Amino acid sequence: MDMIKLEHLQLEIDALADEEFAQLRRWIAERDWQRWDEQLEADVAEGKLDFLLDEVSEAIEAGSLREL
């Protein structure tokens, strides 16, 4: 992001009223979770997390995994 844009956004955020800032904070948190979910789904689809399934399978076979 261009630094001028970032600085402009920071100034605009600093000028927000408390309720507006709270709304922005909620929106950013929700958007952050949405992006995280999208990245996780992409990683799963690309097989990047298959090693976790392998570890679980090995732990089950070794008897070192217990149910919660």
Protein backbone atom coordinates (compact mmCIF):
# COMPACT_ATOMS: atom_id res chain seq x y z
CA MET A 1 0.00 0.00 0.00
CA ASP A 2 1.24 3.44 -0.83
CA MET A 3 2.48 5.16 2.35
CA ILE A 4 0.49 8.28 1.56
CA LYS A 5 -2.71 6.21 1.46
CA LEU A 6 -1.79 4.51 4.72
CA GLU A 7 -1.02 7.79 6.43
CA HIS A 8 -4.31 9.21 5.14
CA LEU A 9 -6.21 6.22 6.52
CA GLN A 10 -4.49 6.57 9.87
CA LEU A 11 -5.47 10.22 10.10
CA GLU A 12 -9.07 9.40 9.16
CA ILE A 13 -9.21 6.62 11.77
CA ASP A 14 -7.82 8.93 14.45
CA ALA A 15 -10.62 11.39 13.66
CA LEU A 16 -13.41 8.83 14.15
CA ALA A 17 -15.85 9.16 17.02
CA ASP A 18 -15.74 6.37 19.58
CA GLU A 19 -18.77 4.52 18.16
CA GLU A 20 -17.47 4.79 14.60
CA PHE A 21 -14.11 3.47 15.74
CA ALA A 22 -15.82 0.55 17.48
CA GLN A 23 -17.74 -0.24 14.27
CA LEU A 24 -14.54 -0.10 12.24
CA ARG A 25 -12.76 -2.34 14.74
CA ARG A 26 -15.57 -4.92 14.49
CA TRP A 27 -15.52 -4.74 10.69
CA ILE A 28 -11.75 -5.21 10.57
CA ALA A 29 -11.90 -8.16 12.96
CA GLU A 30 -14.62 -9.82 10.88
CA ARG A 31 -12.73 -9.17 7.65
CA ASP A 32 -9.54 -10.56 9.20
CA TRP A 33 -11.33 -13.80 10.15
CA GLN A 34 -12.86 -14.00 6.67
CA ARG A 35 -9.44 -13.69 5.02
CA TRP A 36 -8.01 -16.28 7.42
CA ASP A 37 -10.84 -18.69 6.53
CA GLU A 38 -10.27 -18.12 2.81
CA GLN A 39 -6.54 -18.76 3.19
CA LEU A 40 -7.15 -21.89 5.23
CA GLU A 41 -9.58 -23.24 2.63
CA ALA A 42 -7.05 -22.52 -0.14
CA ASP A 43 -4.27 -24.24 1.81
CA VAL A 44 -6.45 -27.31 2.39
CA ALA A 45 -7.43 -27.45 -1.29
CA GLU A 46 -3.76 -27.24 -2.31
CA GLY A 47 -2.81 -30.04 0.10
CA LYS A 48 -0.58 -27.81 2.20
CA LEU A 49 -2.04 -29.23 5.41
CA ASP A 50 -1.97 -32.90 4.43
CA PHE A 51 1.02 -33.39 6.72
CA LEU A 52 -1.34 -32.83 9.67
CA LEU A 53 -3.54 -35.72 8.54
CA ASP A 54 -0.42 -37.85 8.22
CA GLU A 55 0.64 -36.96 11.77
CA VAL A 56 -2.80 -37.83 13.12
CA SER A 57 -2.82 -41.16 11.27
CA GLU A 58 0.64 -41.99 12.65
CA ALA A 59 -0.43 -41.04 16.17
CA ILE A 60 -3.53 -43.24 15.91
CA GLU A 61 -1.45 -46.16 14.68
CA ALA A 62 1.07 -45.65 17.48
CA GLY A 63 -1.72 -45.43 20.06
CA SER A 64 -0.49 -42.07 21.26
CA LEU A 65 -3.63 -40.15 20.37
CA ARG A 66 -6.52 -39.89 22.76
CA GLU A 67 -9.99 -38.49 22.26
CA LEU A 68 -10.95 -35.30 24.03
